[in-house]
């Protein structure tokens, strides 16, 4: 079993976990900061046999100091002596020879100096395990017992990255991410010693994540003698807006589902409501978020039944599904720290929105769902849309076909064998799914029915207490002597 433990920001956890799971890896644990990861040693939350992927500055102040990273890695290596650590670092540290030397001496060889996260690059990090030999060109070759004193070879100059070939003109709007800037692609890992390959198209790349606002630098960390003194030796985690407080995100992070239309004309709301209602029927607690949806406003009017508009609450519940009210802004970091089981982002990738673009929100979701028209006469347009995605991205997507037919589904499986396509079930009202539709949601999201719902469990306890009370009263009456 290939287990991976992620120590990254909540946004990066959301981006990476589903990609790794699609490749057969099991996420054995998640921590949002280095501080919480180390604190998890005492509660046995960390499996030493897992591969650990660490974001070098997770939870640290900016700019991140090399001394702080070394202090954290020293503590991590103290308790995880033989665990493989893959550390993502700022490219500025690739010229710090002493920093690299210290990391290599701690048997931490898998250093990746980059701020970009591509799906295939991430898998290569795991497959291509590095050794000390990969750092000879920086640290100098180890001298043998009988070797004479000699000068170490200077670091090899980084080759110039070639310009990517121009993207072919397409008559349809691309579903891929926008092309990153040239400066974001020109960096190369000094630790790898391998020549920089020709950059791939932006279809498989996530854009550079913006740096958090400047904060007070965390003091350098001194090694703790015991695990009990860990809290005193690790600097206190600092708050970073807009994340709510210093809450530690564990394994109960909500599953984020992005739903959008391929051409902008599909009934995406029906798909989003059907998935949400199916999850609610299975006993889960889903949340639906949409930027500006009149359908949500219509539901809100039904819930409040013409009462005075509520100017305080940002959400409302209908048939077991919670909806973010129309016109209220939401932040993905806040939603990840909520108590919901599933977060359904109903976005329109063909429209502009404030903050993070809808296309990025959809791509960074753990389950990106694309709704397309399954009519035969629109198949060529759908095919052109799917051709703008690379095979890895098509493998991540789940394509739902409204008004579709089995013939279209067979053609899709022939032209795009890697994509997961399915026909949407017939429904009169997506908020009231029948048994077949609920089973379709179970298969689509690979979820099971919760054995005990919170409300059902509460009524069960009340019923049991009432039954025991009546039973005791009955026994009491049976022992009362008859009056003369």
Protein backbone atom coordinates (compact mmCIF):
# COMPACT_ATOMS: atom_id res chain seq x y z
CA UNK A 1 0.00 0.00 0.00
CA UNK A 2 1.45 3.39 -1.02
CA UNK A 3 0.62 5.82 1.79
CA UNK A 4 1.25 9.57 1.61
CA UNK A 5 0.96 12.10 4.45
CA UNK A 6 0.39 15.73 3.37
CA UNK A 7 1.69 18.70 5.38
CA UNK A 8 0.48 21.67 3.34
CA UNK A 9 -1.86 24.62 3.43
CA UNK A 10 -5.58 23.73 3.21
CA UNK A 11 -5.75 24.95 -0.38
CA UNK A 12 -2.80 22.78 -1.40
CA UNK A 13 -4.22 19.76 0.43
CA UNK A 14 -7.40 20.18 -1.60
CA UNK A 15 -5.36 20.39 -4.81
CA UNK A 16 -3.04 17.44 -4.23
CA UNK A 17 -5.05 14.82 -2.36
CA UNK A 18 -7.45 13.87 -5.15
CA UNK A 19 -4.62 13.80 -7.73
CA UNK A 20 -2.67 11.33 -5.62
CA UNK A 21 -5.74 9.20 -4.90
CA UNK A 22 -6.42 8.90 -8.62
CA UNK A 23 -2.94 7.42 -9.04
CA UNK A 24 -3.53 4.76 -6.41
CA UNK A 25 -1.97 6.47 -3.39
CA UNK A 26 -3.72 6.48 -0.02
CA UNK A 27 -3.73 9.73 1.99
CA UNK A 28 -2.84 8.47 5.47
CA UNK A 29 -3.06 11.89 7.12
CA UNK A 30 -3.28 15.64 6.59
CA UNK A 31 -1.87 18.58 8.57
CA UNK A 32 -2.02 22.24 7.60
CA UNK A 33 1.15 23.42 9.44
CA UNK A 34 4.52 22.01 10.45
CA UNK A 35 3.63 22.83 14.06
CA UNK A 36 0.50 20.64 14.06
CA UNK A 37 2.35 17.87 12.19
CA UNK A 38 5.04 17.62 14.87
CA UNK A 39 2.43 17.86 17.62
CA UNK A 40 0.70 14.87 16.03
CA UNK A 41 3.60 12.57 16.93
CA UNK A 42 2.36 12.19 20.50
CA UNK A 43 -1.19 11.27 19.41
CA UNK A 44 0.06 8.70 16.86
CA UNK A 45 -1.55 10.63 13.96
CA UNK A 46 1.55 10.13 11.81
CA UNK A 47 2.35 6.78 10.22
CA UNK A 48 6.18 6.44 10.01
CA UNK A 49 5.86 4.12 7.00
CA UNK A 50 4.15 6.82 4.89
CA UNK A 51 5.87 9.15 2.45
CA UNK A 52 5.59 12.68 3.83
CA UNK A 53 5.18 15.60 1.41
CA UNK A 54 5.89 18.86 3.23
CA UNK A 55 5.35 22.45 2.17
CA UNK A 56 8.51 24.03 3.57
CA UNK A 57 6.82 27.20 4.82
CA UNK A 58 3.52 25.73 6.05
CA UNK A 59 2.49 27.78 9.10
CA UNK A 60 5.68 29.89 9.19
CA UNK A 61 5.97 33.66 8.91
CA UNK A 62 7.17 35.27 5.70
CA UNK A 63 9.83 35.53 4.50
CA UNK A 64 10.62 31.96 5.54
CA UNK A 65 14.06 31.64 7.11
CA UNK A 66 16.30 28.69 6.34
CA UNK A 67 17.16 28.35 10.04
CA UNK A 68 13.49 27.84 10.95
CA UNK A 69 13.06 25.13 8.32
CA UNK A 70 16.19 23.34 9.51
CA UNK A 71 14.97 23.47 13.11
CA UNK A 72 11.63 21.92 12.18
CA UNK A 73 13.29 19.26 10.02
CA UNK A 74 15.66 18.40 12.87
CA UNK A 75 12.70 17.68 15.14
CA UNK A 76 10.86 15.77 12.42
CA UNK A 77 13.91 13.64 11.64
CA UNK A 78 14.40 12.97 15.37
CA UNK A 79 11.06 11.16 15.62
CA UNK A 80 10.81 9.93 12.02
CA UNK A 81 14.32 8.57 11.59
CA UNK A 82 13.76 6.52 8.44
CA UNK A 83 10.66 8.15 6.95
CA UNK A 84 11.06 9.54 3.44
CA UNK A 85 10.51 13.30 3.41
CA UNK A 86 9.75 15.24 0.22
CA UNK A 87 10.15 18.94 0.95
CA UNK A 88 8.88 21.73 -1.32
CA UNK A 89 10.95 24.89 -0.87
CA UNK A 90 11.20 28.43 -2.16
CA UNK A 91 13.45 28.63 -5.26
CA UNK A 92 15.54 31.29 -3.47
CA UNK A 93 16.95 28.57 -1.19
CA UNK A 94 18.48 26.58 -4.05
CA UNK A 95 21.60 28.79 -3.91
CA UNK A 96 22.07 28.32 -0.15
CA UNK A 97 24.78 25.64 -0.15
CA UNK A 98 24.95 25.33 3.64
CA UNK A 99 21.20 24.86 3.87
CA UNK A 100 21.31 22.07 1.28
CA UNK A 101 24.30 20.50 3.02
CA UNK A 102 22.45 20.44 6.35
CA UNK A 103 19.33 18.90 4.81
CA UNK A 104 21.36 16.20 3.00
CA UNK A 105 23.25 15.41 6.21
CA UNK A 106 19.88 14.77 7.87
CA UNK A 107 19.14 12.21 5.13
CA UNK A 108 16.60 14.54 3.49
CA UNK A 109 17.42 14.26 -0.19
CA UNK A 110 14.11 14.91 -1.90
CA UNK A 111 14.27 18.70 -2.10
CA UNK A 112 12.07 20.41 -4.70
CA UNK A 113 12.74 24.12 -5.23
CA UNK A 114 9.54 25.25 -6.90
CA UNK A 115 6.30 27.09 -6.25
CA UNK A 116 4.38 25.31 -9.02
CA UNK A 117 2.49 22.07 -8.56
CA UNK A 118 1.88 19.97 -11.65
CA UNK A 119 0.21 16.61 -11.34
CA UNK A 120 2.80 14.65 -13.31
CA UNK A 121 5.70 16.50 -11.63
CA UNK A 122 4.32 15.53 -8.23
CA UNK A 123 4.24 11.87 -9.22
CA UNK A 124 7.82 12.13 -10.51
CA UNK A 125 8.88 13.51 -7.12
CA UNK A 126 7.63 10.30 -5.53
CA UNK A 127 8.93 7.89 -8.17
CA UNK A 128 12.43 9.39 -8.61
CA UNK A 129 14.00 9.01 -5.19
CA UNK A 130 17.15 11.13 -4.83
CA UNK A 131 20.41 10.33 -3.06
CA UNK A 132 23.49 12.28 -1.96
CA UNK A 133 24.94 11.69 -5.43
CA UNK A 134 22.38 14.15 -6.85
CA UNK A 135 24.03 16.96 -4.87
CA UNK A 136 27.67 16.36 -5.78
CA UNK A 137 27.64 19.27 -8.23
CA UNK A 138 26.69 21.60 -5.34
CA UNK A 139 28.38 20.16 -2.27
CA UNK A 140 31.39 18.61 -3.97
CA UNK A 141 32.14 14.95 -4.44
CA UNK A 142 33.00 12.86 -1.38
CA UNK A 143 36.71 12.13 -1.32
CA UNK A 144 37.82 8.53 -0.98
CA UNK A 145 40.30 7.33 1.62
CA UNK A 146 43.24 7.44 -0.77
CA UNK A 147 42.18 10.45 -2.82
CA UNK A 148 44.23 13.63 -2.90
CA UNK A 149 43.00 17.07 -2.07
CA UNK A 150 41.26 18.64 -4.97
CA UNK A 151 38.87 21.44 -5.73
CA UNK A 152 35.21 20.62 -6.05
CA UNK A 153 33.57 21.31 -9.34
CA UNK A 154 31.54 24.53 -9.48
CA UNK A 155 27.76 24.36 -9.71
CA UNK A 156 26.51 23.74 -13.20
CA UNK A 157 24.83 26.69 -14.82
CA UNK A 158 21.14 26.31 -15.31
CA UNK A 159 20.27 25.95 -18.98
CA UNK A 160 17.96 28.44 -20.52
CA UNK A 161 14.40 27.24 -20.80
CA UNK A 162 13.07 26.99 -24.31
CA UNK A 163 10.05 28.93 -25.34
CA UNK A 164 6.91 26.77 -25.39
CA UNK A 165 5.37 26.21 -28.78
CA UNK A 166 2.42 28.46 -29.54
CA UNK A 167 -0.93 26.93 -28.69
CA UNK A 168 -3.00 25.98 -31.72
CA UNK A 169 -5.91 28.23 -32.43
CA UNK A 170 -9.23 26.71 -31.46
CA UNK A 171 -12.69 27.87 -32.42
CA UNK A 172 -13.97 27.05 -28.93
CA UNK A 173 -13.07 28.45 -25.54
CA UNK A 174 -10.44 26.38 -23.76
CA UNK A 175 -11.20 24.61 -20.49
CA UNK A 176 -7.56 24.72 -19.42
CA UNK A 177 -5.96 27.07 -16.93
CA UNK A 178 -4.46 30.36 -18.15
CA UNK A 179 -0.81 30.22 -19.25
CA UNK A 180 1.57 31.07 -16.35
CA UNK A 181 4.12 33.81 -16.79
CA UNK A 182 7.53 33.04 -18.22
CA UNK A 183 9.26 33.87 -14.95
CA UNK A 184 7.31 31.15 -13.16
CA UNK A 185 8.60 28.53 -15.61
CA UNK A 186 12.22 29.62 -15.87
CA UNK A 187 13.25 28.39 -12.42
CA UNK A 188 14.98 25.01 -12.16
CA UNK A 189 15.89 22.89 -9.19
CA UNK A 190 19.57 23.30 -8.30
CA UNK A 191 19.29 20.25 -6.09
CA UNK A 192 18.29 17.89 -8.87
CA UNK A 193 21.31 18.42 -11.09
CA UNK A 194 19.20 17.46 -14.08
CA UNK A 195 18.80 19.71 -17.14
CA UNK A 196 15.57 21.66 -17.37
CA UNK A 197 13.14 20.00 -19.72
CA UNK A 198 11.03 21.85 -22.19
CA UNK A 199 8.01 23.30 -20.39
CA UNK A 200 4.76 21.57 -21.03
CA UNK A 201 1.52 23.27 -21.89
CA UNK A 202 -0.34 24.99 -19.10
CA UNK A 203 -3.13 22.43 -19.23
CA UNK A 204 -1.52 20.35 -16.48
CA UNK A 205 -0.20 23.17 -14.31
CA UNK A 206 -1.59 25.00 -11.36
CA UNK A 207 -0.74 28.73 -11.29
CA UNK A 208 1.61 30.22 -8.79
CA UNK A 209 -0.11 30.58 -5.45
CA UNK A 210 0.03 34.16 -4.14
CA UNK A 211 2.31 34.69 -1.19
CA UNK A 212 0.56 35.38 2.11
CA UNK A 213 0.73 38.91 3.57
CA UNK A 214 3.89 39.82 5.42
CA UNK A 215 3.90 38.70 9.01
CA UNK A 216 6.26 38.86 11.93
CA UNK A 217 9.14 36.46 11.39
CA UNK A 218 9.05 33.40 13.61
CA UNK A 219 12.09 33.07 15.90
CA UNK A 220 14.64 30.37 15.11
CA UNK A 221 13.69 27.04 16.62
CA UNK A 222 15.92 25.20 19.09
CA UNK A 223 15.83 21.42 19.27
CA UNK A 224 13.68 20.05 22.08
CA UNK A 225 14.99 17.36 24.42
CA UNK A 226 11.71 15.49 24.77
CA UNK A 227 8.35 15.37 23.09
CA UNK A 228 6.72 16.95 26.15
CA UNK A 229 8.78 20.12 25.71
CA UNK A 230 7.79 20.39 22.06
CA UNK A 231 5.14 23.05 22.60
CA UNK A 232 7.65 25.38 24.28
CA UNK A 233 10.30 24.96 21.59
CA UNK A 234 8.08 25.45 18.53
CA UNK A 235 7.10 29.05 17.72
CA UNK A 236 3.41 29.82 18.08
CA UNK A 237 1.38 29.56 14.89
CA UNK A 238 0.32 32.90 13.53
CA UNK A 239 -3.06 33.76 12.11
CA UNK A 240 -3.30 34.36 8.39
CA UNK A 241 -6.45 35.90 6.97
CA UNK A 242 -8.92 34.99 5.60
CA UNK A 243 -8.50 31.58 7.30
CA UNK A 244 -10.60 31.46 10.47
CA UNK A 245 -8.33 31.26 13.51
CA UNK A 246 -5.56 28.74 14.11
CA UNK A 247 -7.80 25.72 13.72
CA UNK A 248 -5.91 22.57 12.82
CA UNK A 249 -7.43 20.71 9.88
CA UNK A 250 -7.28 16.97 10.37
CA UNK A 251 -8.72 14.11 8.38
CA UNK A 252 -12.26 15.57 8.51
CA UNK A 253 -11.63 18.16 5.81
CA UNK A 254 -14.77 18.46 3.62
CA UNK A 255 -14.70 16.95 0.17
CA UNK A 256 -14.82 19.79 -2.39
CA UNK A 257 -16.82 19.13 -5.56
CA UNK A 258 -16.70 21.61 -8.43
CA UNK A 259 -19.59 21.63 -10.92
CA UNK A 260 -19.59 23.69 -14.12
CA UNK A 261 -20.89 23.56 -17.68
CA UNK A 262 -18.79 22.73 -20.73
CA UNK A 263 -20.36 25.36 -22.94
CA UNK A 264 -22.16 27.65 -20.52
CA UNK A 265 -25.65 26.68 -21.72
CA UNK A 266 -26.18 23.47 -19.72
CA UNK A 267 -28.46 23.19 -16.70
CA UNK A 268 -25.63 22.99 -14.17
CA UNK A 269 -27.98 23.81 -11.28
CA UNK A 270 -29.93 20.59 -11.80
CA UNK A 271 -26.71 18.57 -11.53
CA UNK A 272 -25.53 20.47 -8.44
CA UNK A 273 -28.91 20.12 -6.70
CA UNK A 274 -29.21 16.45 -7.61
CA UNK A 275 -25.78 15.64 -6.18
CA UNK A 276 -26.48 17.68 -3.02
CA UNK A 277 -29.93 16.17 -2.47
CA UNK A 278 -28.56 12.67 -3.01
CA UNK A 279 -25.86 13.27 -0.38
CA UNK A 280 -28.50 14.57 2.03
CA UNK A 281 -30.62 11.47 1.45
CA UNK A 282 -27.57 9.35 2.30
CA UNK A 283 -27.21 11.14 5.63
CA UNK A 284 -24.36 13.54 4.77
CA UNK A 285 -24.28 17.31 5.31
CA UNK A 286 -23.61 19.07 1.98
CA UNK A 287 -23.22 22.81 1.31
CA UNK A 288 -23.95 24.39 -2.07
CA UNK A 289 -22.12 27.63 -2.97
CA UNK A 290 -22.96 29.76 -5.97
CA UNK A 291 -21.91 33.33 -6.72
CA UNK A 292 -25.05 34.80 -8.26
CA UNK A 293 -27.77 32.23 -8.79
CA UNK A 294 -31.45 33.20 -9.12
CA UNK A 295 -32.38 29.56 -8.45
CA UNK A 296 -30.95 29.87 -4.92
CA UNK A 297 -32.92 33.09 -4.39
CA UNK A 298 -36.10 31.24 -5.41
CA UNK A 299 -35.39 28.54 -2.85
CA UNK A 300 -34.75 31.20 -0.22
CA UNK A 301 -38.17 32.72 -0.85
CA UNK A 302 -39.77 29.31 -0.40
CA UNK A 303 -37.93 28.76 2.90
CA UNK A 304 -38.75 32.15 4.41
CA UNK A 305 -42.27 32.19 2.87
CA UNK A 306 -42.36 35.91 2.25
CA UNK A 307 -41.10 36.88 5.71
CA UNK A 308 -38.90 39.89 6.26
CA UNK A 309 -35.52 39.39 4.65
CA UNK A 310 -32.89 38.10 7.04
CA UNK A 311 -29.91 40.46 6.95
CA UNK A 312 -27.77 38.45 9.39
CA UNK A 313 -27.47 34.82 8.28
CA UNK A 314 -25.41 33.94 5.22
CA UNK A 315 -26.88 30.44 4.76
CA UNK A 316 -30.20 28.65 4.82
CA UNK A 317 -31.23 25.00 4.78
CA UNK A 318 -33.75 23.28 2.54
CA UNK A 319 -34.54 19.55 2.54
CA UNK A 320 -31.29 18.68 4.32
CA UNK A 321 -29.08 20.76 1.99
CA UNK A 322 -27.45 24.01 3.16
CA UNK A 323 -27.17 26.82 0.62
CA UNK A 324 -24.99 29.92 0.68
CA UNK A 325 -27.37 32.83 0.12
CA UNK A 326 -27.17 34.77 -3.10
CA UNK A 327 -25.04 37.90 -2.93
CA UNK A 328 -22.89 36.82 0.04
CA UNK A 329 -19.19 36.27 -0.63
CA UNK A 330 -17.52 33.08 0.60
CA UNK A 331 -13.92 32.00 0.98
CA UNK A 332 -12.71 28.48 0.26
CA UNK A 333 -10.38 28.50 3.31
CA UNK A 334 -13.30 29.23 5.61
CA UNK A 335 -15.38 26.49 4.02
CA UNK A 336 -12.60 23.94 4.51
CA UNK A 337 -12.66 24.71 8.24
CA UNK A 338 -16.43 24.16 8.46
CA UNK A 339 -18.40 21.16 9.71
CA UNK A 340 -19.90 20.27 6.33
CA UNK A 341 -19.12 16.88 4.82
CA UNK A 342 -19.21 18.01 1.17
CA UNK A 343 -18.84 21.46 -0.41
CA UNK A 344 -20.36 21.81 -3.87
CA UNK A 345 -18.99 24.79 -5.81
CA UNK A 346 -21.48 25.72 -8.51
CA UNK A 347 -19.35 27.92 -10.77
CA UNK A 348 -19.43 29.28 -14.29
CA UNK A 349 -15.95 29.07 -15.83
CA UNK A 350 -17.03 31.30 -18.73
CA UNK A 351 -17.77 34.32 -16.49
CA UNK A 352 -15.58 36.60 -14.43
CA UNK A 353 -15.88 36.58 -10.65
CA UNK A 354 -14.29 38.44 -7.75
CA UNK A 355 -11.31 36.83 -6.07
CA UNK A 356 -10.15 33.45 -7.36
CA UNK A 357 -11.36 32.75 -10.88
CA UNK A 358 -14.12 30.21 -11.35
CA UNK A 359 -11.89 28.11 -13.58
CA UNK A 360 -9.25 27.80 -10.85
CA UNK A 361 -11.85 26.99 -8.21
CA UNK A 362 -13.18 24.24 -10.43
CA UNK A 363 -9.77 22.80 -11.29
CA UNK A 364 -8.53 22.88 -7.69
CA UNK A 365 -11.59 21.05 -6.38
CA UNK A 366 -11.04 17.42 -5.44
CA UNK A 367 -13.78 16.18 -7.77
CA UNK A 368 -14.20 18.46 -10.83
CA UNK A 369 -17.51 17.64 -12.53
CA UNK A 370 -18.19 18.86 -16.06
CA UNK A 371 -21.79 18.99 -17.30
CA UNK A 372 -22.17 18.62 -21.04
CA UNK A 373 -25.02 18.33 -23.51
CA UNK A 374 -25.35 14.70 -24.55
CA UNK A 375 -27.36 15.36 -27.70
CA UNK A 376 -25.88 13.71 -30.78
CA UNK A 377 -26.02 16.87 -32.88
CA UNK A 378 -23.84 18.68 -30.29
CA UNK A 379 -21.24 15.93 -29.96
CA UNK A 380 -18.61 17.59 -32.15
CA UNK A 381 -18.72 20.77 -30.04
CA UNK A 382 -18.35 18.72 -26.84
CA UNK A 383 -15.47 16.82 -28.41
CA UNK A 384 -13.66 20.06 -29.25
CA UNK A 385 -14.05 21.21 -25.66
CA UNK A 386 -12.61 17.98 -24.31
CA UNK A 387 -9.70 18.16 -26.74
CA UNK A 388 -8.49 21.30 -24.95
CA UNK A 389 -7.70 19.11 -21.92
CA UNK A 390 -4.70 16.83 -21.63
CA UNK A 391 -5.18 13.12 -20.74
CA UNK A 392 -4.38 13.65 -17.06
CA UNK A 393 -6.99 16.40 -16.76
CA UNK A 394 -9.59 14.33 -18.58
CA UNK A 395 -8.87 11.51 -16.15
CA UNK A 396 -9.56 13.84 -13.20
CA UNK A 397 -12.85 15.10 -14.63
CA UNK A 398 -16.21 13.41 -14.31
CA UNK A 399 -18.42 14.22 -17.26
CA UNK A 400 -22.18 14.25 -16.77
CA UNK A 401 -24.34 14.17 -19.88
CA UNK A 402 -27.76 15.78 -19.69
CA UNK A 403 -30.28 14.72 -22.34
CA UNK A 404 -27.74 12.07 -23.28
CA UNK A 405 -28.05 8.74 -25.02
CA UNK A 406 -26.09 5.51 -24.84
CA UNK A 407 -24.78 6.08 -28.39
CA UNK A 408 -23.09 9.33 -27.31
CA UNK A 409 -21.68 7.60 -24.24
CA UNK A 410 -20.18 4.85 -26.38
CA UNK A 411 -18.61 7.40 -28.73
CA UNK A 412 -17.07 9.23 -25.77
CA UNK A 413 -15.57 6.03 -24.39
CA UNK A 414 -14.10 5.34 -27.81
CA UNK A 415 -12.64 8.83 -28.38
CA UNK A 416 -11.67 9.55 -24.75
CA UNK A 417 -11.04 6.25 -22.99
CA UNK A 418 -9.63 7.93 -19.87
CA UNK A 419 -12.62 10.15 -19.08
CA UNK A 420 -15.32 9.05 -16.61
CA UNK A 421 -18.58 9.84 -18.41
CA UNK A 422 -22.08 8.98 -17.25
CA UNK A 423 -25.67 9.84 -18.14
CA UNK A 424 -27.64 11.96 -15.69
CA UNK A 425 -30.74 10.11 -14.45
CA UNK A 426 -34.16 11.38 -15.38
CA UNK A 427 -35.67 13.57 -12.66
CA UNK A 428 -38.72 15.76 -12.27
CA UNK A 429 -37.27 17.77 -9.39
CA UNK A 430 -33.53 17.45 -8.55
CA UNK A 431 -34.19 18.39 -4.92
CA UNK A 432 -36.34 15.27 -4.47
CA UNK A 433 -34.31 12.41 -5.98
CA UNK A 434 -35.79 8.93 -6.21
CA UNK A 435 -34.03 5.75 -5.15
CA UNK A 436 -32.34 5.28 -8.53
CA UNK A 437 -30.97 8.83 -8.50
CA UNK A 438 -29.58 8.38 -4.96
CA UNK A 439 -27.84 5.18 -6.03
CA UNK A 440 -26.42 7.10 -9.02
CA UNK A 441 -24.95 9.72 -6.65
CA UNK A 442 -23.44 6.93 -4.52
CA UNK A 443 -21.72 5.48 -7.58
CA UNK A 444 -20.65 8.88 -8.94
CA UNK A 445 -18.94 10.03 -5.73
CA UNK A 446 -18.12 6.57 -4.34
CA UNK A 447 -19.89 7.37 -1.05
CA UNK A 448 -21.89 5.14 1.25
CA UNK A 449 -24.98 5.76 3.31
CA UNK A 450 -24.25 6.92 6.84
CA UNK A 451 -25.43 4.29 9.29
CA UNK A 452 -26.56 6.75 11.92
CA UNK A 453 -27.79 10.21 11.12
CA UNK A 454 -27.46 12.74 13.90
CA UNK A 455 -31.19 13.50 13.98
CA UNK A 456 -32.14 9.81 13.82
CA UNK A 457 -29.71 8.99 16.59
CA UNK A 458 -31.17 11.77 18.75
CA UNK A 459 -34.74 10.51 18.28
CA UNK A 460 -33.54 6.98 19.01
CA UNK A 461 -32.06 8.06 22.34
CA UNK A 462 -35.26 9.94 23.26
CA UNK A 463 -37.36 6.91 22.34
CA UNK A 464 -35.14 4.56 24.37
CA UNK A 465 -35.35 6.82 27.43
CA UNK A 466 -39.13 7.05 27.07
CA UNK A 467 -39.44 3.27 26.70
CA UNK A 468 -37.32 2.59 29.81
CA UNK A 469 -39.35 5.15 31.78
CA UNK A 470 -42.66 3.54 30.83
CA UNK A 471 -41.22 0.12 31.60
CA UNK A 472 -40.18 1.22 35.10
CA UNK A 473 -43.58 2.81 35.72
CA UNK A 474 -45.24 -0.44 34.67
CA UNK A 475 -43.08 -2.46 37.04
CA UNK A 476 -43.83 0.00 39.85
CA UNK A 477 -47.58 -0.27 39.35
CA UNK A 478 -47.44 -4.07 39.35
CA UNK A 479 -45.96 -4.09 42.86
CA UNK A 480 -48.46 -1.65 44.39
CA UNK A 481 -50.91 -3.62 46.69
CA UNK A 482 -54.58 -3.43 45.87
CA UNK A 483 -56.61 -1.04 48.00
CA UNK A 484 -59.38 -2.53 50.18
